[in-house]
Amino acid sequence: MPKKIKKEELEKQLEEERKKSETYLNQYKYLKADFENYQKIIERDKKNIIETASKKIIEDLLPILDDIESAIEKTNDQKGKEGLIMIRDKIIKILESHGLKPIEAVGKKFDPFYHEVMMVEDGEENDIVIQEFQKGYMLNNKVIRHSKVKISKRGDDDGN
């Protein structure tokens, strides 16, 4: 009889230890999953911080780029114009390496997600951008500045 009691007692202890180990294993799995999620959140937050900082700097540089474009148009001195174009191209190349892309406007169909209408002119086609007053830009596929444009409207639409 003493052997039987000992065997039952050992089996009971073994079952308790199995339950404990299963509990510990489940806790480990939850902690591991929590830690992996934490790492993903930290990585996403880090990326957002970098993008936000980049966006602010790029937005601050866009007026300077506009000024350079304006100077290129107004400069009569060919060497001066070439120098300004070189500076503009270098700035654009740097900004593009950080995700900046110009929005294509002239000749395209008006899209309120990319263009802001400043003027409307009678034309052959409806809602076509015919002039760009200020270049628009996207940063990492998000519009950071809409193109300011003039669009055409047919005179015979809507009873006009």
N, C-alpha and C. Protein backbone atom coordinates (compact mmCIF):
# COMPACT_ATOMS: atom_id res chain seq x y z
N MET A 1 0.80 -1.21 0.00
CA MET A 1 0.00 0.00 0.00
C MET A 1 0.85 1.27 0.00
N PRO A 2 1.90 1.36 0.73
CA PRO A 2 2.66 2.61 0.75
C PRO A 2 3.15 2.99 -0.64
N LYS A 3 3.51 2.02 -1.47
CA LYS A 3 3.97 2.33 -2.82
C LYS A 3 2.86 2.98 -3.63
N LYS A 4 1.64 2.51 -3.50
CA LYS A 4 0.52 3.04 -4.25
C LYS A 4 0.23 4.49 -3.87
N ILE A 5 0.29 4.80 -2.60
CA ILE A 5 0.07 6.17 -2.15
C ILE A 5 1.16 7.07 -2.69
N LYS A 6 2.36 6.61 -2.65
CA LYS A 6 3.47 7.40 -3.15
C LYS A 6 3.32 7.64 -4.67
N LYS A 7 2.91 6.63 -5.39
CA LYS A 7 2.74 6.78 -6.82
C LYS A 7 1.64 7.79 -7.14
N GLU A 8 0.52 7.71 -6.45
CA GLU A 8 -0.58 8.65 -6.65
C GLU A 8 -0.14 10.07 -6.28
N GLU A 9 0.62 10.17 -5.21
CA GLU A 9 1.11 11.47 -4.78
C GLU A 9 2.08 12.06 -5.81
N LEU A 10 2.93 11.22 -6.35
CA LEU A 10 3.87 11.67 -7.38
C LEU A 10 3.15 12.09 -8.66
N GLU A 11 2.15 11.34 -9.04
CA GLU A 11 1.37 11.70 -10.23
C GLU A 11 0.64 13.02 -10.03
N LYS A 12 0.14 13.24 -8.81
CA LYS A 12 -0.54 14.49 -8.49
C LYS A 12 0.45 15.66 -8.56
N GLN A 13 1.62 15.47 -7.99
CA GLN A 13 2.66 16.51 -8.03
C GLN A 13 3.11 16.78 -9.47
N LEU A 14 3.24 15.71 -10.24
CA LEU A 14 3.63 15.86 -11.63
C LEU A 14 2.58 16.67 -12.40
N GLU A 15 1.32 16.37 -12.16
CA GLU A 15 0.24 17.10 -12.83
C GLU A 15 0.25 18.57 -12.42
N GLU A 16 0.49 18.85 -11.16
CA GLU A 16 0.58 20.24 -10.68
C GLU A 16 1.75 20.97 -11.36
N GLU A 17 2.86 20.30 -11.50
CA GLU A 17 4.04 20.89 -12.15
C GLU A 17 3.78 21.11 -13.65
N ARG A 18 3.05 20.20 -14.27
CA ARG A 18 2.69 20.39 -15.67
C ARG A 18 1.81 21.64 -15.83
N LYS A 19 0.85 21.80 -14.94
CA LYS A 19 -0.02 22.97 -14.99
C LYS A 19 0.78 24.25 -14.79
N LYS A 20 1.72 24.21 -13.83
CA LYS A 20 2.57 25.38 -13.58
C LYS A 20 3.40 25.70 -14.82
N SER A 21 4.00 24.67 -15.42
CA SER A 21 4.85 24.91 -16.59
C SER A 21 4.00 25.42 -17.76
N GLU A 22 2.79 24.92 -17.89
CA GLU A 22 1.90 25.40 -18.95
C GLU A 22 1.53 26.86 -18.71
N THR A 23 1.27 27.22 -17.46
CA THR A 23 0.97 28.60 -17.10
C THR A 23 2.16 29.50 -17.42
N TYR A 24 3.36 29.06 -17.04
CA TYR A 24 4.56 29.84 -17.32
C TYR A 24 4.79 29.99 -18.83
N LEU A 25 4.55 28.92 -19.56
CA LEU A 25 4.73 28.97 -21.01
C LEU A 25 3.75 29.97 -21.63
N ASN A 26 2.49 29.93 -21.19
CA ASN A 26 1.50 30.89 -21.71
C ASN A 26 1.88 32.32 -21.35
N GLN A 27 2.35 32.54 -20.12
CA GLN A 27 2.79 33.88 -19.72
C GLN A 27 3.96 34.34 -20.61
N TYR A 28 4.88 33.44 -20.87
CA TYR A 28 6.02 33.76 -21.73
C TYR A 28 5.55 34.15 -23.13
N LYS A 29 4.59 33.38 -23.66
CA LYS A 29 4.09 33.67 -25.00
C LYS A 29 3.42 35.04 -25.05
N TYR A 30 2.61 35.37 -24.03
CA TYR A 30 1.97 36.69 -23.98
C TYR A 30 3.00 37.80 -23.86
N LEU A 31 3.99 37.61 -23.01
CA LEU A 31 5.04 38.62 -22.83
C LEU A 31 5.83 38.81 -24.12
N LYS A 32 6.13 37.72 -24.79
CA LYS A 32 6.86 37.80 -26.05
C LYS A 32 6.05 38.57 -27.09
N ALA A 33 4.76 38.27 -27.20
CA ALA A 33 3.89 38.96 -28.15
C ALA A 33 3.78 40.44 -27.78
N ASP A 34 3.64 40.74 -26.49
CA ASP A 34 3.58 42.14 -26.04
C ASP A 34 4.86 42.88 -26.40
N PHE A 35 5.98 42.22 -26.20
CA PHE A 35 7.27 42.86 -26.50
C PHE A 35 7.42 43.10 -28.00
N GLU A 36 7.02 42.14 -28.82
CA GLU A 36 7.09 42.32 -30.27
C GLU A 36 6.19 43.47 -30.72
N ASN A 37 4.98 43.57 -30.13
CA ASN A 37 4.09 44.68 -30.45
C ASN A 37 4.70 46.01 -30.00
N TYR A 38 5.32 46.01 -28.84
CA TYR A 38 6.00 47.21 -28.33
C TYR A 38 7.09 47.66 -29.30
N GLN A 39 7.88 46.71 -29.78
CA GLN A 39 8.95 47.04 -30.73
C GLN A 39 8.37 47.65 -32.01
N LYS A 40 7.26 47.09 -32.50
CA LYS A 40 6.62 47.62 -33.71
C LYS A 40 6.11 49.04 -33.47
N ILE A 41 5.52 49.29 -32.31
CA ILE A 41 5.00 50.62 -31.98
C ILE A 41 6.15 51.62 -31.91
N ILE A 42 7.25 51.24 -31.26
CA ILE A 42 8.41 52.12 -31.15
C ILE A 42 8.97 52.43 -32.54
N GLU A 43 9.07 51.43 -33.38
CA GLU A 43 9.61 51.62 -34.73
C GLU A 43 8.70 52.55 -35.55
N ARG A 44 7.38 52.34 -35.43
CA ARG A 44 6.42 53.19 -36.15
C ARG A 44 6.50 54.63 -35.63
N ASP A 45 6.58 54.80 -34.30
CA ASP A 45 6.68 56.15 -33.72
C ASP A 45 7.96 56.84 -34.15
N LYS A 46 9.04 56.10 -34.18
CA LYS A 46 10.34 56.65 -34.61
C LYS A 46 10.24 57.14 -36.06
N LYS A 47 9.63 56.32 -36.92
CA LYS A 47 9.46 56.69 -38.32
C LYS A 47 8.60 57.94 -38.45
N ASN A 48 7.52 58.02 -37.67
CA ASN A 48 6.64 59.19 -37.71
C ASN A 48 7.36 60.46 -37.26
N ILE A 49 8.19 60.34 -36.23
CA ILE A 49 8.95 61.49 -35.74
C ILE A 49 9.90 61.99 -36.82
N ILE A 50 10.59 61.06 -37.46
CA ILE A 50 11.53 61.44 -38.52
C ILE A 50 10.78 62.09 -39.69
N GLU A 51 9.64 61.51 -40.09
CA GLU A 51 8.87 62.07 -41.19
C GLU A 51 8.33 63.45 -40.85
N THR A 52 7.86 63.63 -39.61
CA THR A 52 7.33 64.92 -39.19
C THR A 52 8.43 65.98 -39.20
N ALA A 53 9.60 65.62 -38.70
CA ALA A 53 10.72 66.57 -38.70
C ALA A 53 11.12 66.91 -40.13
N SER A 54 11.20 65.91 -40.98
CA SER A 54 11.55 66.14 -42.39
C SER A 54 10.51 67.03 -43.06
N LYS A 55 9.24 66.77 -42.79
CA LYS A 55 8.16 67.53 -43.41
C LYS A 55 8.28 69.01 -43.04
N LYS A 56 8.53 69.30 -41.79
CA LYS A 56 8.63 70.69 -41.35
C LYS A 56 9.80 71.39 -42.03
N ILE A 57 10.94 70.75 -42.09
CA ILE A 57 12.11 71.36 -42.73
C ILE A 57 11.84 71.58 -44.22
N ILE A 58 11.25 70.59 -44.88
CA ILE A 58 10.96 70.71 -46.31
C ILE A 58 9.94 71.82 -46.56
N GLU A 59 8.90 71.89 -45.73
CA GLU A 59 7.91 72.97 -45.90
C GLU A 59 8.57 74.34 -45.73
N ASP A 60 9.53 74.44 -44.82
CA ASP A 60 10.24 75.71 -44.62
C ASP A 60 11.14 76.05 -45.81
N LEU A 61 11.61 75.04 -46.53
CA LEU A 61 12.49 75.28 -47.68
C LEU A 61 11.73 75.59 -48.97
N LEU A 62 10.47 75.22 -49.06
CA LEU A 62 9.71 75.43 -50.30
C LEU A 62 9.62 76.91 -50.71
N PRO A 63 9.40 77.85 -49.79
CA PRO A 63 9.39 79.26 -50.22
C PRO A 63 10.73 79.71 -50.81
N ILE A 64 11.82 79.17 -50.31
CA ILE A 64 13.14 79.50 -50.86
C ILE A 64 13.25 78.95 -52.28
N LEU A 65 12.76 77.74 -52.48
CA LEU A 65 12.75 77.15 -53.82
C LEU A 65 11.89 78.00 -54.76
N ASP A 66 10.74 78.49 -54.26
CA ASP A 66 9.89 79.38 -55.07
C ASP A 66 10.65 80.65 -55.44
N ASP A 67 11.38 81.21 -54.48
CA ASP A 67 12.15 82.43 -54.75
C ASP A 67 13.21 82.19 -55.81
N ILE A 68 13.86 81.04 -55.75
CA ILE A 68 14.88 80.71 -56.76
C ILE A 68 14.22 80.58 -58.13
N GLU A 69 13.07 79.92 -58.19
CA GLU A 69 12.33 79.79 -59.46
C GLU A 69 11.98 81.17 -60.02
N SER A 70 11.51 82.05 -59.14
CA SER A 70 11.15 83.39 -59.56
C SER A 70 12.38 84.15 -60.06
N ALA A 71 13.50 84.00 -59.37
CA ALA A 71 14.74 84.67 -59.79
C ALA A 71 15.21 84.16 -61.14
N ILE A 72 15.05 82.86 -61.38
CA ILE A 72 15.44 82.28 -62.68
C ILE A 72 14.62 82.93 -63.80
N GLU A 73 13.32 83.07 -63.57
CA GLU A 73 12.44 83.66 -64.59
C GLU A 73 12.78 85.12 -64.86
N LYS A 74 13.18 85.85 -63.82
CA LYS A 74 13.39 87.29 -63.95
C LYS A 74 14.82 87.69 -64.31
N THR A 75 15.76 86.76 -64.21
CA THR A 75 17.16 87.08 -64.49
C THR A 75 17.42 87.09 -65.99
N ASN A 76 18.05 88.17 -66.45
CA ASN A 76 18.41 88.28 -67.87
C ASN A 76 19.84 87.81 -68.11
N ASP A 77 20.66 87.86 -67.07
CA ASP A 77 22.06 87.44 -67.18
C ASP A 77 22.13 85.91 -67.31
N GLN A 78 22.65 85.43 -68.44
CA GLN A 78 22.66 83.99 -68.72
C GLN A 78 23.49 83.22 -67.70
N LYS A 79 24.67 83.73 -67.33
CA LYS A 79 25.52 83.02 -66.36
C LYS A 79 24.84 82.98 -64.99
N GLY A 80 24.21 84.09 -64.62
CA GLY A 80 23.48 84.13 -63.35
C GLY A 80 22.33 83.14 -63.34
N LYS A 81 21.63 83.06 -64.47
CA LYS A 81 20.50 82.13 -64.62
C LYS A 81 20.98 80.69 -64.49
N GLU A 82 22.11 80.38 -65.17
CA GLU A 82 22.67 79.03 -65.09
C GLU A 82 23.06 78.67 -63.66
N GLY A 83 23.63 79.62 -62.94
CA GLY A 83 24.00 79.39 -61.54
C GLY A 83 22.79 79.12 -60.68
N LEU A 84 21.73 79.90 -60.88
CA LEU A 84 20.50 79.69 -60.11
C LEU A 84 19.87 78.34 -60.44
N ILE A 85 19.92 77.96 -61.71
CA ILE A 85 19.37 76.65 -62.11
C ILE A 85 20.15 75.52 -61.44
N MET A 86 21.48 75.65 -61.38
CA MET A 86 22.29 74.63 -60.72
C MET A 86 21.93 74.52 -59.24
N ILE A 87 21.76 75.67 -58.57
CA ILE A 87 21.39 75.67 -57.15
C ILE A 87 20.01 75.04 -56.97
N ARG A 88 19.05 75.45 -57.81
CA ARG A 88 17.70 74.89 -57.74
C ARG A 88 17.73 73.37 -57.92
N ASP A 89 18.46 72.91 -58.92
CA ASP A 89 18.51 71.47 -59.20
C ASP A 89 19.13 70.69 -58.04
N LYS A 90 20.15 71.26 -57.40
CA LYS A 90 20.77 70.59 -56.24
C LYS A 90 19.79 70.51 -55.07
N ILE A 91 19.09 71.60 -54.83
CA ILE A 91 18.10 71.61 -53.74
C ILE A 91 17.00 70.59 -54.02
N ILE A 92 16.50 70.58 -55.26
CA ILE A 92 15.44 69.64 -55.62
C ILE A 92 15.93 68.20 -55.47
N LYS A 93 17.15 67.92 -55.89
CA LYS A 93 17.70 66.57 -55.78
C LYS A 93 17.76 66.13 -54.32
N ILE A 94 18.20 67.03 -53.44
CA ILE A 94 18.27 66.70 -52.01
C ILE A 94 16.87 66.45 -51.46
N LEU A 95 15.93 67.33 -51.79
CA LEU A 95 14.57 67.18 -51.29
C LEU A 95 13.91 65.91 -51.83
N GLU A 96 14.17 65.59 -53.10
CA GLU A 96 13.62 64.35 -53.67
C GLU A 96 14.18 63.12 -52.98
N SER A 97 15.44 63.19 -52.54
CA SER A 97 16.02 62.04 -51.84
C SER A 97 15.35 61.82 -50.49
N HIS A 98 14.62 62.83 -50.01
CA HIS A 98 13.88 62.71 -48.75
C HIS A 98 12.39 62.50 -48.98
N GLY A 99 12.00 62.19 -50.23
CA GLY A 99 10.62 61.81 -50.52
C GLY A 99 9.76 62.89 -51.15
N LEU A 100 10.33 64.04 -51.49
CA LEU A 100 9.55 65.11 -52.09
C LEU A 100 9.37 64.85 -53.59
N LYS A 101 8.13 65.07 -54.08
CA LYS A 101 7.84 64.95 -55.51
C LYS A 101 6.96 66.12 -55.92
N PRO A 102 7.27 66.74 -57.07
CA PRO A 102 6.39 67.81 -57.55
C PRO A 102 5.08 67.22 -58.06
N ILE A 103 4.02 67.99 -57.94
CA ILE A 103 2.72 67.59 -58.47
C ILE A 103 2.63 68.11 -59.90
N GLU A 104 2.33 67.21 -60.82
CA GLU A 104 2.15 67.61 -62.22
C GLU A 104 0.81 68.33 -62.32
N ALA A 105 0.80 69.47 -63.01
CA ALA A 105 -0.44 70.24 -63.06
C ALA A 105 -0.84 70.63 -64.48
N VAL A 106 -0.02 71.40 -65.18
CA VAL A 106 -0.40 71.95 -66.48
C VAL A 106 -0.73 70.82 -67.46
N GLY A 107 -1.92 70.95 -68.07
CA GLY A 107 -2.37 69.96 -69.04
C GLY A 107 -3.12 68.80 -68.41
N LYS A 108 -3.13 68.72 -67.10
CA LYS A 108 -3.82 67.63 -66.40
C LYS A 108 -5.25 68.06 -66.04
N LYS A 109 -6.10 67.07 -65.80
CA LYS A 109 -7.47 67.34 -65.35
C LYS A 109 -7.40 67.85 -63.91
N PHE A 110 -8.20 68.86 -63.62
CA PHE A 110 -8.24 69.42 -62.27
C PHE A 110 -8.62 68.35 -61.26
N ASP A 111 -7.87 68.27 -60.18
CA ASP A 111 -8.14 67.33 -59.10
C ASP A 111 -8.01 68.09 -57.78
N PRO A 112 -9.11 68.24 -57.04
CA PRO A 112 -9.06 69.03 -55.80
C PRO A 112 -8.14 68.45 -54.73
N PHE A 113 -7.74 67.20 -54.88
CA PHE A 113 -6.81 66.62 -53.92
C PHE A 113 -5.39 67.13 -54.15
N TYR A 114 -5.12 67.61 -55.37
CA TYR A 114 -3.76 68.06 -55.71
C TYR A 114 -3.69 69.55 -56.10
N HIS A 115 -4.81 70.10 -56.57
CA HIS A 115 -4.80 71.46 -57.12
C HIS A 115 -5.74 72.37 -56.35
N GLU A 116 -5.36 73.65 -56.28
CA GLU A 116 -6.21 74.68 -55.71
C GLU A 116 -6.46 75.70 -56.82
N VAL A 117 -7.73 75.93 -57.15
CA VAL A 117 -8.09 76.83 -58.24
C VAL A 117 -7.98 78.27 -57.76
N MET A 118 -7.20 79.05 -58.51
CA MET A 118 -7.05 80.48 -58.23
C MET A 118 -7.83 81.31 -59.25
N MET A 119 -7.91 80.78 -60.48
CA MET A 119 -8.61 81.48 -61.56
C MET A 119 -9.28 80.47 -62.48
N VAL A 120 -10.33 80.94 -63.14
CA VAL A 120 -11.03 80.12 -64.13
C VAL A 120 -11.09 80.94 -65.43
N GLU A 121 -10.86 80.28 -66.54
CA GLU A 121 -10.85 80.96 -67.84
C GLU A 121 -11.67 80.13 -68.82
N ASP A 122 -12.36 80.82 -69.73
CA ASP A 122 -13.10 80.10 -70.77
C ASP A 122 -12.11 79.32 -71.62
N GLY A 123 -12.49 78.11 -71.98
CA GLY A 123 -11.61 77.30 -72.79
C GLY A 123 -12.36 76.24 -73.56
N GLU A 124 -11.61 75.46 -74.32
CA GLU A 124 -12.19 74.40 -75.15
C GLU A 124 -12.61 73.20 -74.31
N GLU A 125 -11.78 72.87 -73.31
CA GLU A 125 -12.07 71.69 -72.48
C GLU A 125 -12.46 72.13 -71.08
N ASN A 126 -13.14 71.26 -70.37
CA ASN A 126 -13.61 71.56 -69.03
C ASN A 126 -12.64 71.01 -67.97
N ASP A 127 -12.34 71.81 -66.98
CA ASP A 127 -11.54 71.40 -65.82
C ASP A 127 -10.15 70.92 -66.17
N ILE A 128 -9.49 71.57 -67.10
CA ILE A 128 -8.11 71.27 -67.44
C ILE A 128 -7.23 72.40 -66.90
N VAL A 129 -6.14 72.05 -66.23
CA VAL A 129 -5.22 73.05 -65.71
C VAL A 129 -4.47 73.67 -66.88
N ILE A 130 -4.59 74.99 -67.01
CA ILE A 130 -3.94 75.66 -68.14
C ILE A 130 -2.74 76.51 -67.69
N GLN A 131 -2.66 76.79 -66.39
CA GLN A 131 -1.52 77.55 -65.89
C GLN A 131 -1.31 77.20 -64.42
N GLU A 132 -0.03 77.18 -64.04
CA GLU A 132 0.32 76.90 -62.64
C GLU A 132 0.98 78.16 -62.06
N PHE A 133 0.39 78.68 -61.00
CA PHE A 133 0.93 79.88 -60.35
C PHE A 133 1.97 79.52 -59.30
N GLN A 134 1.71 78.42 -58.60
CA GLN A 134 2.67 77.96 -57.58
C GLN A 134 2.71 76.44 -57.62
N LYS A 135 3.91 75.91 -57.68
CA LYS A 135 4.11 74.46 -57.78
C LYS A 135 3.64 73.79 -56.48
N GLY A 136 2.98 72.67 -56.63
CA GLY A 136 2.55 71.86 -55.50
C GLY A 136 3.50 70.69 -55.31
N TYR A 137 3.54 70.16 -54.10
CA TYR A 137 4.46 69.07 -53.80
C TYR A 137 3.80 68.02 -52.91
N MET A 138 4.32 66.80 -53.08
CA MET A 138 3.92 65.68 -52.24
C MET A 138 5.16 65.19 -51.51
N LEU A 139 4.97 64.77 -50.27
CA LEU A 139 6.05 64.19 -49.47
C LEU A 139 5.60 62.81 -49.04
N ASN A 140 6.31 61.80 -49.52
CA ASN A 140 5.97 60.41 -49.20
C ASN A 140 4.50 60.12 -49.51
N ASN A 141 4.08 60.51 -50.70
CA ASN A 141 2.73 60.26 -51.22
C ASN A 141 1.63 61.00 -50.47
N LYS A 142 1.98 62.08 -49.72
CA LYS A 142 0.99 62.94 -49.07
C LYS A 142 1.22 64.36 -49.56
N VAL A 143 0.13 65.02 -49.91
CA VAL A 143 0.24 66.40 -50.39
C VAL A 143 0.65 67.29 -49.22
N ILE A 144 1.74 68.04 -49.41
CA ILE A 144 2.13 69.01 -48.38
C ILE A 144 1.87 70.44 -48.85
N ARG A 145 1.70 70.61 -50.17
CA ARG A 145 1.29 71.90 -50.70
C ARG A 145 0.59 71.66 -52.04
N HIS A 146 -0.64 72.17 -52.14
CA HIS A 146 -1.41 72.04 -53.37
C HIS A 146 -0.85 72.98 -54.43
N SER A 147 -0.97 72.58 -55.69
CA SER A 147 -0.60 73.45 -56.80
C SER A 147 -1.68 74.52 -56.92
N LYS A 148 -1.26 75.77 -57.03
CA LYS A 148 -2.20 76.88 -57.24
C LYS A 148 -2.30 77.07 -58.76
N VAL A 149 -3.52 76.91 -59.29
CA VAL A 149 -3.67 76.81 -60.74
C VAL A 149 -4.81 77.64 -61.30
N LYS A 150 -4.75 77.80 -62.63
CA LYS A 150 -5.85 78.37 -63.42
C LYS A 150 -6.39 77.22 -64.25
N ILE A 151 -7.73 77.08 -64.26
CA ILE A 151 -8.32 75.99 -65.04
C ILE A 151 -9.25 76.56 -66.11
N SER A 152 -9.53 75.73 -67.09
CA SER A 152 -10.44 76.12 -68.17
C SER A 152 -11.83 75.60 -67.88
N LYS A 153 -12.83 76.38 -68.35
CA LYS A 153 -14.22 75.96 -68.26
C LYS A 153 -14.86 76.26 -69.60
N ARG A 154 -15.62 75.33 -70.13
CA ARG A 154 -16.35 75.56 -71.37
C ARG A 154 -17.51 76.51 -71.08
N GLY A 155 -17.71 77.45 -71.97
CA GLY A 155 -18.76 78.44 -71.77
C GLY A 155 -20.17 77.88 -71.94
N ASP A 156 -20.32 76.75 -72.67
CA ASP A 156 -21.67 76.20 -72.95
C ASP A 156 -22.15 75.25 -71.86
N ASP A 157 -21.31 74.96 -70.83
CA ASP A 157 -21.73 74.06 -69.75
C ASP A 157 -22.66 74.76 -68.78
N ASP A 158 -23.61 74.05 -68.23
CA ASP A 158 -24.52 74.52 -67.21
C ASP A 158 -25.26 75.79 -67.63
N GLY A 159 -25.57 75.90 -68.90
CA GLY A 159 -26.34 77.03 -69.40
C GLY A 159 -25.56 78.31 -69.55
N ASN A 160 -24.25 78.30 -69.44
CA ASN A 160 -23.45 79.53 -69.58
C ASN A 160 -23.19 79.84 -71.03
